[in-house]
PDB file of N, CA and C in Angstrom:
ATOM      1  N   MET A   1      19.069 -44.259  24.197  1.00  0.00           N
ATOM      2  CA  MET A   1      18.267 -43.979  23.104  1.00  0.00           C
ATOM      3  C   MET A   1      18.486 -42.495  22.664  1.00  0.00           C
ATOM      4  N   LEU A   2      18.313 -42.083  21.971  1.00  0.00           N
ATOM      5  CA  LEU A   2      17.884 -40.592  21.222  1.00  0.00           C
ATOM      6  C   LEU A   2      16.729 -40.604  21.023  1.00  0.00           C
ATOM      7  N   TRP A   3      16.162 -39.709  21.161  1.00  0.00           N
ATOM      8  CA  TRP A   3      14.487 -39.845  20.435  1.00  0.00           C
ATOM      9  C   TRP A   3      14.566 -38.014  20.324  1.00  0.00           C
ATOM     10  N   PRO A   4      13.585 -38.495  19.190  1.00  0.00           N
ATOM     11  CA  PRO A   4      13.487 -37.368  18.287  1.00  0.00           C
ATOM     12  C   PRO A   4      12.858 -36.202  19.228  1.00  0.00           C
ATOM     13  N   ARG A   5      12.960 -34.800  18.189  1.00  0.00           N
ATOM     14  CA  ARG A   5      12.618 -33.221  19.550  1.00  0.00           C
ATOM     15  C   ARG A   5      11.228 -33.464  18.831  1.00  0.00           C
ATOM     16  N   PRO A   6       9.939 -32.558  19.446  1.00  0.00           N
ATOM     17  CA  PRO A   6       9.037 -32.941  18.831  1.00  0.00           C
ATOM     18  C   PRO A   6       8.438 -31.920  17.797  1.00  0.00           C
ATOM     19  N   PRO A   7       8.288 -32.020  17.401  1.00  0.00           N
ATOM     20  CA  PRO A   7       8.171 -30.878  16.148  1.00  0.00           C
ATOM     21  C   PRO A   7       7.136 -29.238  16.757  1.00  0.00           C
ATOM     22  N   PHE A   8       7.124 -29.141  17.787  1.00  0.00           N
ATOM     23  CA  PHE A   8       5.528 -28.958  18.102  1.00  0.00           C
ATOM     24  C   PHE A   8       6.266 -28.626  20.251  1.00  0.00           C
ATOM     25  N   ARG A   9       5.859 -27.236  20.261  1.00  0.00           N
ATOM     26  CA  ARG A   9       6.641 -26.530  21.648  1.00  0.00           C
ATOM     27  C   ARG A   9       5.127 -25.666  21.794  1.00  0.00           C
ATOM     28  N   SER A  10       4.706 -26.927  22.962  1.00  0.00           N
ATOM     29  CA  SER A  10       3.164 -26.060  23.109  1.00  0.00           C
ATOM     30  C   SER A  10       3.277 -25.166  24.082  1.00  0.00           C
ATOM     31  N   GLY A  11       1.705 -24.292  24.401  1.00  0.00           N
ATOM     32  CA  GLY A  11       1.579 -23.163  25.439  1.00  0.00           C
ATOM     33  C   GLY A  11       3.065 -22.146  26.043  1.00  0.00           C
ATOM     34  N   ALA A  12       3.072 -22.462  24.864  1.00  0.00           N
ATOM     35  CA  ALA A  12       4.776 -21.540  25.149  1.00  0.00           C
ATOM     36  C   ALA A  12       3.990 -19.468  24.685  1.00  0.00           C
ATOM     37  N   THR A  13       5.157 -18.788  25.359  1.00  0.00           N
ATOM     38  CA  THR A  13       4.839 -17.688  24.603  1.00  0.00           C
ATOM     39  C   THR A  13       6.113 -17.611  23.631  1.00  0.00           C
ATOM     40  N   PHE A  14       5.946 -16.136  22.875  1.00  0.00           N
ATOM     41  CA  PHE A  14       6.464 -15.954  22.050  1.00  0.00           C
ATOM     42  C   PHE A  14       6.218 -14.044  22.075  1.00  0.00           C
ATOM     43  N   THR A  15       7.299 -13.403  22.283  1.00  0.00           N
ATOM     44  CA  THR A  15       7.358 -12.408  22.104  1.00  0.00           C
ATOM     45  C   THR A  15       8.088 -10.726  20.832  1.00  0.00           C
ATOM     46  N   GLY A  16       7.231 -10.519  20.035  1.00  0.00           N
ATOM     47  CA  GLY A  16       7.873  -9.821  19.582  1.00  0.00           C
ATOM     48  C   GLY A  16       6.840  -8.495  18.837  1.00  0.00           C
ATOM     49  N   VAL A  17       6.854  -7.937  17.293  1.00  0.00           N
ATOM     50  CA  VAL A  17       5.985  -7.315  17.070  1.00  0.00           C
ATOM     51  C   VAL A  17       4.951  -7.956  15.894  1.00  0.00           C
ATOM     52  N   ILE A  18       4.151  -7.258  15.852  1.00  0.00           N
ATOM     53  CA  ILE A  18       2.913  -8.191  14.608  1.00  0.00           C
ATOM     54  C   ILE A  18       3.552  -7.036  13.363  1.00  0.00           C
ATOM     55  N   THR A  19       3.685  -7.626  12.647  1.00  0.00           N
ATOM     56  CA  THR A  19       3.744  -7.065  11.101  1.00  0.00           C
ATOM     57  C   THR A  19       3.075  -7.506  10.228  1.00  0.00           C
ATOM     58  N   ASP A  20       3.452  -7.733   9.379  1.00  0.00           N
ATOM     59  CA  ASP A  20       2.776  -8.564   7.713  1.00  0.00           C
ATOM     60  C   ASP A  20       3.922  -9.384   7.659  1.00  0.00           C
ATOM     61  N   SER A  21       3.396 -10.378   6.752  1.00  0.00           N
ATOM     62  CA  SER A  21       4.183 -10.841   5.584  1.00  0.00           C
ATOM     63  C   SER A  21       5.050 -10.697   5.073  1.00  0.00           C
ATOM     64  N   MET A  22       4.537  -9.203   3.987  1.00  0.00           N
ATOM     65  CA  MET A  22       4.975  -8.695   3.330  1.00  0.00           C
ATOM     66  C   MET A  22       6.171  -7.884   3.813  1.00  0.00           C
ATOM     67  N   CYS A  23       6.620  -7.975   4.628  1.00  0.00           N
ATOM     68  CA  CYS A  23       7.610  -6.544   5.645  1.00  0.00           C
ATOM     69  C   CYS A  23       7.168  -7.584   6.468  1.00  0.00           C
ATOM     70  N   ASP A  24       8.248  -8.898   6.951  1.00  0.00           N
ATOM     71  CA  ASP A  24       7.767  -9.129   7.983  1.00  0.00           C
ATOM     72  C   ASP A  24       9.133  -9.753   8.869  1.00  0.00           C
ATOM     73  N   ASP A  25       9.906  -8.470   8.041  1.00  0.00           N
ATOM     74  CA  ASP A  25      10.949  -8.078   9.211  1.00  0.00           C
ATOM     75  C   ASP A  25      11.068  -6.296  10.177  1.00  0.00           C
ATOM     76  N   ALA A  26      10.041  -6.287   9.543  1.00  0.00           N
ATOM     77  CA  ALA A  26       8.513  -5.223  11.097  1.00  0.00           C
ATOM     78  C   ALA A  26       9.807  -3.577   9.899  1.00  0.00           C
ATOM     79  N   ASN A  27      10.223  -3.959   9.011  1.00  0.00           N
ATOM     80  CA  ASN A  27      10.905  -2.476   8.521  1.00  0.00           C
ATOM     81  C   ASN A  27       9.573  -2.448   7.135  1.00  0.00           C
ATOM     82  N   HIS A  28       9.217  -0.733   7.978  1.00  0.00           N
ATOM     83  CA  HIS A  28       7.511  -0.254   6.923  1.00  0.00           C
ATOM     84  C   HIS A  28       8.291   0.961   5.895  1.00  0.00           C
ATOM     85  N   LYS A  29      10.013   1.250   6.493  1.00  0.00           N
ATOM     86  CA  LYS A  29      10.384   2.696   5.601  1.00  0.00           C
ATOM     87  C   LYS A  29       9.642   2.478   4.310  1.00  0.00           C
ATOM     88  N   ASP A  30       9.927   1.403   3.559  1.00  0.00           N
ATOM     89  CA  ASP A  30      10.161   1.533   2.096  1.00  0.00           C
ATOM     90  C   ASP A  30       9.166   1.688   0.934  1.00  0.00           C
ATOM     91  N   MET A  31       7.851   1.785   1.894  1.00  0.00           N
ATOM     92  CA  MET A  31       6.044   1.675   1.959  1.00  0.00           C
ATOM     93  C   MET A  31       5.638   2.205   1.701  1.00  0.00           C
ATOM     94  N   LYS A  32       6.294   3.300   2.212  1.00  0.00           N
ATOM     95  CA  LYS A  32       5.714   5.131   2.448  1.00  0.00           C
ATOM     96  C   LYS A  32       4.725   4.809   2.340  1.00  0.00           C
ATOM     97  N   MET A  33       3.787   4.451   3.510  1.00  0.00           N
ATOM     98  CA  MET A  33       2.094   4.611   3.718  1.00  0.00           C
ATOM     99  C   MET A  33       1.755   5.428   4.611  1.00  0.00           C
ATOM    100  N   GLY A  34       2.755   5.704   5.018  1.00  0.00           N
ATOM    101  CA  GLY A  34       2.470   6.642   6.525  1.00  0.00           C
ATOM    102  C   GLY A  34       2.927   5.415   8.167  1.00  0.00           C
ATOM    103  N   SER A  35       2.299   5.713   9.514  1.00  0.00           N
ATOM    104  CA  SER A  35       2.644   4.848  10.135  1.00  0.00           C
ATOM    105  C   SER A  35       2.916   3.191   9.952  1.00  0.00           C
ATOM    106  N   ASP A  36       3.421   3.139  10.471  1.00  0.00           N
ATOM    107  CA  ASP A  36       3.951   1.199  10.831  1.00  0.00           C
ATOM    108  C   ASP A  36       2.585   0.763  10.689  1.00  0.00           C
ATOM    109  N   PRO A  37       1.406   1.265  12.015  1.00  0.00           N
ATOM    110  CA  PRO A  37      -0.165   0.077  11.931  1.00  0.00           C
ATOM    111  C   PRO A  37      -0.613   0.493  10.689  1.00  0.00           C
ATOM    112  N   LYS A  38      -0.541   1.222  10.124  1.00  0.00           N
ATOM    113  CA  LYS A  38      -1.454   1.688   8.863  1.00  0.00           C
ATOM    114  C   LYS A  38      -0.645   0.747   7.990  1.00  0.00           C
ATOM    115  N   CYS A  39       1.065   0.886   7.452  1.00  0.00           N
ATOM    116  CA  CYS A  39       1.107  -0.114   6.510  1.00  0.00           C
ATOM    117  C   CYS A  39       0.507  -2.051   6.830  1.00  0.00           C
ATOM    118  N   VAL A  40       0.817  -2.236   8.082  1.00  0.00           N
ATOM    119  CA  VAL A  40       1.080  -3.701   8.539  1.00  0.00           C
ATOM    120  C   VAL A  40      -0.690  -3.676   8.064  1.00  0.00           C
ATOM    121  N   VAL A  41      -1.932  -3.114   8.826  1.00  0.00           N
ATOM    122  CA  VAL A  41      -3.202  -3.246   8.204  1.00  0.00           C
ATOM    123  C   VAL A  41      -3.512  -3.635   6.270  1.00  0.00           C
ATOM    124  N   GLU A  42      -2.833  -2.010   5.963  1.00  0.00           N
ATOM    125  CA  GLU A  42      -4.102  -1.931   4.384  1.00  0.00           C
ATOM    126  C   GLU A  42      -2.802  -3.279   3.987  1.00  0.00           C
ATOM    127  N   CYS A  43      -1.578  -3.812   4.206  1.00  0.00           N
ATOM    128  CA  CYS A  43      -0.578  -4.929   3.182  1.00  0.00           C
ATOM    129  C   CYS A  43      -1.925  -5.814   3.829  1.00  0.00           C
ATOM    130  N   VAL A  44      -2.188  -6.960   4.760  1.00  0.00           N
ATOM    131  CA  VAL A  44      -2.871  -7.479   5.039  1.00  0.00           C
ATOM    132  C   VAL A  44      -3.987  -7.243   4.306  1.00  0.00           C
ATOM    133  N   LYS A  45      -4.779  -6.334   4.901  1.00  0.00           N
ATOM    134  CA  LYS A  45      -6.246  -5.639   3.971  1.00  0.00           C
ATOM    135  C   LYS A  45      -6.689  -5.797   2.741  1.00  0.00           C
ATOM    136  N   GLY A  46      -5.431  -4.862   2.355  1.00  0.00           N
ATOM    137  CA  GLY A  46      -5.654  -4.252   0.723  1.00  0.00           C
ATOM    138  C   GLY A  46      -4.406  -4.888  -0.240  1.00  0.00           C
ATOM    139  N   MET A  47      -3.257  -6.111   0.440  1.00  0.00           N
ATOM    140  CA  MET A  47      -2.389  -6.490  -0.724  1.00  0.00           C
ATOM    141  C   MET A  47      -1.937  -8.200  -0.760  1.00  0.00           C
ATOM    142  N   GLY A  48      -3.193  -8.658  -0.074  1.00  0.00           N
ATOM    143  CA  GLY A  48      -3.295 -10.019   0.272  1.00  0.00           C
ATOM    144  C   GLY A  48      -1.585 -10.512   1.485  1.00  0.00           C
ATOM    145  N   GLY A  49      -1.347 -10.103   2.276  1.00  0.00           N
ATOM    146  CA  GLY A  49      -0.517 -10.365   3.109  1.00  0.00           C
ATOM    147  C   GLY A  49      -1.192 -10.738   4.441  1.00  0.00           C
ATOM    148  N   LYS A  50      -0.075 -11.537   5.003  1.00  0.00           N
ATOM    149  CA  LYS A  50      -0.732 -11.910   6.577  1.00  0.00           C
ATOM    150  C   LYS A  50      -0.374 -11.589   7.486  1.00  0.00           C
ATOM    151  N   TYR A  51      -0.603 -11.817   9.071  1.00  0.00           N
ATOM    152  CA  TYR A  51      -0.109 -10.877  10.643  1.00  0.00           C
ATOM    153  C   TYR A  51       0.767 -11.759  10.485  1.00  0.00           C
ATOM    154  N   VAL A  52       1.700 -11.121  11.150  1.00  0.00           N
ATOM    155  CA  VAL A  52       2.882 -12.552  10.948  1.00  0.00           C
ATOM    156  C   VAL A  52       3.848 -11.853  12.635  1.00  0.00           C
ATOM    157  N   LEU A  53       4.555 -12.490  13.736  1.00  0.00           N
ATOM    158  CA  LEU A  53       4.964 -12.057  14.594  1.00  0.00           C
ATOM    159  C   LEU A  53       6.664 -12.378  14.406  1.00  0.00           C
ATOM    160  N   TYR A  54       7.443 -11.256  14.370  1.00  0.00           N
ATOM    161  CA  TYR A  54       8.861 -10.862  13.807  1.00  0.00           C
ATOM    162  C   TYR A  54       9.498 -10.997  14.804  1.00  0.00           C
ATOM    163  N   ASP A  55      10.264 -11.507  15.432  1.00  0.00           N
ATOM    164  CA  ASP A  55      11.272 -11.869  16.862  1.00  0.00           C
ATOM    165  C   ASP A  55      12.447 -11.057  16.237  1.00  0.00           C
ATOM    166  N   ARG A  56      12.846 -10.083  16.696  1.00  0.00           N
ATOM    167  CA  ARG A  56      13.735  -8.979  16.239  1.00  0.00           C
ATOM    168  C   ARG A  56      15.213  -9.922  16.811  1.00  0.00           C
ATOM    169  N   GLY A  57      15.276 -10.577  17.899  1.00  0.00           N
ATOM    170  CA  GLY A  57      16.036 -11.447  18.612  1.00  0.00           C
ATOM    171  C   GLY A  57      16.729 -12.488  17.427  1.00  0.00           C
ATOM    172  N   ALA A  58      15.776 -13.689  17.492  1.00  0.00           N
ATOM    173  CA  ALA A  58      16.094 -14.326  16.472  1.00  0.00           C
ATOM    174  C   ALA A  58      15.955 -14.260  15.099  1.00  0.00           C
ATOM    175  N   LYS A  59      15.703 -12.649  14.651  1.00  0.00           N
ATOM    176  CA  LYS A  59      15.532 -12.440  13.052  1.00  0.00           C
ATOM    177  C   LYS A  59      14.452 -13.092  12.635  1.00  0.00           C
ATOM    178  N   THR A  60      13.450 -14.114  12.706  1.00  0.00           N
ATOM    179  CA  THR A  60      12.322 -14.723  12.137  1.00  0.00           C
ATOM    180  C   THR A  60      11.178 -14.597  12.891  1.00  0.00           C
ATOM    181  N   ALA A  61      10.516 -14.557  11.376  1.00  0.00           N
ATOM    182  CA  ALA A  61       8.978 -14.050  11.587  1.00  0.00           C
ATOM    183  C   ALA A  61       8.322 -15.670  11.139  1.00  0.00           C
ATOM    184  N   TYR A  62       7.251 -15.718  12.474  1.00  0.00           N
ATOM    185  CA  TYR A  62       6.757 -17.053  12.878  1.00  0.00           C
ATOM    186  C   TYR A  62       5.132 -16.040  12.074  1.00  0.00           C
ATOM    187  N   LYS A  63       4.159 -17.307  11.221  1.00  0.00           N
ATOM    188  CA  LYS A  63       3.297 -17.354  10.725  1.00  0.00           C
ATOM    189  C   LYS A  63       2.167 -17.398  11.785  1.00  0.00           C
ATOM    190  N   LEU A  64       0.742 -16.774  11.850  1.00  0.00           N
ATOM    191  CA  LEU A  64       0.089 -16.897  13.274  1.00  0.00           C
ATOM    192  C   LEU A  64      -1.012 -17.099  11.870  1.00  0.00           C
ATOM    193  N   SER A  65      -1.992 -18.234  13.603  1.00  0.00           N
ATOM    194  CA  SER A  65      -2.618 -19.138  12.919  1.00  0.00           C
ATOM    195  C   SER A  65      -4.270 -18.395  12.775  1.00  0.00           C
ATOM    196  N   ASP A  66      -4.420 -16.915  13.827  1.00  0.00           N
ATOM    197  CA  ASP A  66      -5.107 -16.142  14.253  1.00  0.00           C
ATOM    198  C   ASP A  66      -4.425 -15.082  13.139  1.00  0.00           C
ATOM    199  N   GLN A  67      -5.667 -14.428  11.805  1.00  0.00           N
ATOM    200  CA  GLN A  67      -5.535 -13.487  11.656  1.00  0.00           C
ATOM    201  C   GLN A  67      -6.555 -12.485  11.345  1.00  0.00           C
ATOM    202  N   LYS A  68      -7.395 -12.277  12.244  1.00  0.00           N
ATOM    203  CA  LYS A  68      -8.340 -11.282  12.745  1.00  0.00           C
ATOM    204  C   LYS A  68      -7.867 -10.505  14.133  1.00  0.00           C
ATOM    205  N   ALA A  69      -7.305 -11.117  15.528  1.00  0.00           N
ATOM    206  CA  ALA A  69      -7.487 -10.960  16.351  1.00  0.00           C
ATOM    207  C   ALA A  69      -5.519  -9.769  16.523  1.00  0.00           C
ATOM    208  N   PRO A  70      -4.319  -9.724  15.953  1.00  0.00           N
ATOM    209  CA  PRO A  70      -3.649  -9.280  15.776  1.00  0.00           C
ATOM    210  C   PRO A  70      -3.415  -7.555  14.976  1.00  0.00           C
ATOM    211  N   GLU A  71      -4.642  -7.613  14.488  1.00  0.00           N
ATOM    212  CA  GLU A  71      -4.841  -6.346  13.486  1.00  0.00           C
ATOM    213  C   GLU A  71      -5.440  -4.808  14.754  1.00  0.00           C
ATOM    214  N   LYS A  72      -5.118  -5.345  15.999  1.00  0.00           N
ATOM    215  CA  LYS A  72      -5.400  -4.075  16.913  1.00  0.00           C
ATOM    216  C   LYS A  72      -4.182  -4.151  17.260  1.00  0.00           C
ATOM    217  N   PHE A  73      -3.375  -5.509  16.943  1.00  0.00           N
ATOM    218  CA  PHE A  73      -1.882  -4.607  17.745  1.00  0.00           C
ATOM    219  C   PHE A  73      -0.898  -4.999  16.650  1.00  0.00           C
ATOM    220  N   ALA A  74      -1.484  -4.390  15.688  1.00  0.00           N
ATOM    221  CA  ALA A  74      -0.604  -4.389  14.322  1.00  0.00           C
ATOM    222  C   ALA A  74       0.496  -2.988  15.047  1.00  0.00           C
ATOM    223  N   ALA A  75       1.845  -3.530  14.304  1.00  0.00           N
ATOM    224  CA  ALA A  75       3.345  -2.511  14.818  1.00  0.00           C
ATOM    225  C   ALA A  75       3.484  -2.416  16.157  1.00  0.00           C
ATOM    226  N   LYS A  76       2.471  -3.465  16.478  1.00  0.00           N
ATOM    227  CA  LYS A  76       3.085  -3.003  18.118  1.00  0.00           C
ATOM    228  C   LYS A  76       3.742  -4.155  18.529  1.00  0.00           C
ATOM    229  N   LYS A  77       4.471  -4.629  19.888  1.00  0.00           N
ATOM    230  CA  LYS A  77       4.905  -5.618  20.242  1.00  0.00           C
ATOM    231  C   LYS A  77       3.841  -6.292  21.782  1.00  0.00           C
ATOM    232  N   VAL A  78       4.307  -8.021  21.386  1.00  0.00           N
ATOM    233  CA  VAL A  78       2.960  -8.053  22.091  1.00  0.00           C
ATOM    234  C   VAL A  78       3.355  -9.549  22.485  1.00  0.00           C
ATOM    235  N   THR A  79       3.224 -10.359  22.973  1.00  0.00           N
ATOM    236  CA  THR A  79       3.260 -11.401  23.754  1.00  0.00           C
ATOM    237  C   THR A  79       2.218 -12.415  23.191  1.00  0.00           C
ATOM    238  N   VAL A  80       2.584 -13.511  22.295  1.00  0.00           N
ATOM    239  CA  VAL A  80       1.558 -14.619  21.696  1.00  0.00           C
ATOM    240  C   VAL A  80       2.005 -15.700  22.646  1.00  0.00           C
ATOM    241  N   THR A  81       0.260 -16.219  23.320  1.00  0.00           N
ATOM    242  CA  THR A  81       0.770 -17.177  23.716  1.00  0.00           C
ATOM    243  C   THR A  81       0.041 -18.695  22.707  1.00  0.00           C
ATOM    244  N   GLY A  82       1.026 -19.221  22.864  1.00  0.00           N
ATOM    245  CA  GLY A  82       0.295 -20.832  21.524  1.00  0.00           C
ATOM    246  C   GLY A  82       1.483 -21.681  21.642  1.00  0.00           C
ATOM    247  N   THR A  83       1.106 -22.480  20.805  1.00  0.00           N
ATOM    248  CA  THR A  83       1.752 -23.195  20.437  1.00  0.00           C
ATOM    249  C   THR A  83       2.690 -23.927  18.946  1.00  0.00           C
ATOM    250  N   LEU A  84       4.030 -23.651  18.536  1.00  0.00           N
ATOM    251  CA  LEU A  84       4.696 -23.570  17.518  1.00  0.00           C
ATOM    252  C   LEU A  84       4.956 -24.573  17.013  1.00  0.00           C
ATOM    253  N   ASP A  85       4.942 -24.904  15.475  1.00  0.00           N
ATOM    254  CA  ASP A  85       5.460 -25.799  14.005  1.00  0.00           C
ATOM    255  C   ASP A  85       6.205 -25.599  14.019  1.00  0.00           C
ATOM    256  N   GLU A  86       7.685 -26.758  14.468  1.00  0.00           N
ATOM    257  CA  GLU A  86       8.688 -25.359  14.207  1.00  0.00           C
ATOM    258  C   GLU A  86       8.874 -25.464  12.386  1.00  0.00           C
ATOM    259  N   LYS A  87       8.198 -26.582  12.131  1.00  0.00           N
ATOM    260  CA  LYS A  87       8.608 -26.780  10.589  1.00  0.00           C
ATOM    261  C   LYS A  87       8.448 -25.962   9.103  1.00  0.00           C
ATOM    262  N   THR A  88       6.890 -25.404   9.890  1.00  0.00           N
ATOM    263  CA  THR A  88       6.467 -24.107   9.189  1.00  0.00           C
ATOM    264  C   THR A  88       6.613 -22.954   9.561  1.00  0.00           C
ATOM    265  N   LYS A  89       7.082 -23.387  10.823  1.00  0.00           N
ATOM    266  CA  LYS A  89       7.333 -21.702  11.425  1.00  0.00           C
ATOM    267  C   LYS A  89       5.831 -20.640  11.733  1.00  0.00           C
ATOM    268  N   THR A  90       5.132 -21.735  11.935  1.00  0.00           N
ATOM    269  CA  THR A  90       2.879 -21.744  12.066  1.00  0.00           C
ATOM    270  C   THR A  90       3.402 -21.609  13.663  1.00  0.00           C
ATOM    271  N   ILE A  91       2.551 -20.593  14.661  1.00  0.00           N
ATOM    272  CA  ILE A  91       1.760 -20.290  15.874  1.00  0.00           C
ATOM    273  C   ILE A  91       0.372 -20.855  15.977  1.00  0.00           C
ATOM    274  N   THR A  92       0.025 -21.616  16.479  1.00  0.00           N
ATOM    275  CA  THR A  92      -1.440 -21.657  16.501  1.00  0.00           C
ATOM    276  C   THR A  92      -1.484 -20.767  17.792  1.00  0.00           C
ATOM    277  N   VAL A  93      -2.887 -19.479  17.921  1.00  0.00           N
ATOM    278  CA  VAL A  93      -2.509 -18.717  18.540  1.00  0.00           C
ATOM    279  C   VAL A  93      -3.662 -18.893  19.910  1.00  0.00           C
ATOM    280  N   GLU A  94      -3.248 -19.116  20.887  1.00  0.00           N
ATOM    281  CA  GLU A  94      -3.577 -19.112  22.291  1.00  0.00           C
ATOM    282  C   GLU A  94      -4.316 -17.471  22.719  1.00  0.00           C
ATOM    283  N   SER A  95      -3.491 -16.660  22.391  1.00  0.00           N
ATOM    284  CA  SER A  95      -3.898 -15.496  23.236  1.00  0.00           C
ATOM    285  C   SER A  95      -3.236 -14.787  22.771  1.00  0.00           C
ATOM    286  N   ILE A  96      -3.611 -12.982  22.026  1.00  0.00           N
ATOM    287  CA  ILE A  96      -2.054 -12.236  22.422  1.00  0.00           C
ATOM    288  C   ILE A  96      -2.753 -11.284  23.025  1.00  0.00           C
ATOM    289  N   ALA A  97      -1.454 -10.719  23.687  1.00  0.00           N
ATOM    290  CA  ALA A  97      -1.604  -9.762  25.087  1.00  0.00           C
ATOM    291  C   ALA A  97      -0.269  -8.263  24.098  1.00  0.00           C
ATOM    292  N   ALA A  98      -0.925  -7.384  24.443  1.00  0.00           N
ATOM    293  CA  ALA A  98       0.334  -6.370  24.705  1.00  0.00           C
ATOM    294  C   ALA A  98       2.058  -6.856  25.771  1.00  0.00           C
ATOM    295  N   ALA A  99       2.722  -6.915  24.689  1.00  0.00           N
ATOM    296  CA  ALA A  99       3.998  -6.869  25.887  1.00  0.00           C
ATOM    297  C   ALA A  99       3.759  -6.184  26.711  1.00  0.00           C
ATOM    298  N   LYS A 100       4.419  -6.349  28.312  1.00  0.00           N
ATOM    299  CA  LYS A 100       5.091  -5.745  29.068  1.00  0.00           C
ATOM    300  C   LYS A 100       6.736  -4.994  29.240  1.00  0.00           C
TER     301      LYS A 100
END
């Protein structure tokens, strides 16, 4: 008998770049706002975007449940520990740290 795969991956780690949902492929060149960190924060605070983790290898942006902690990592490579809901592509964040 085959059991369906649970839609959640808990306690997993995800590495990628903190960006915003408006530039979810981490490409900020067309925004003309200056540095990438400034663009990310401006898109979230001033334009209604949300912080996301972009995994370049998988070419996937994951929504982040925590919208405060990612700010200090804007446009930086990080490792997020948490639980992934594969259906919504949302990570319930346990921690965020600079990637090594």
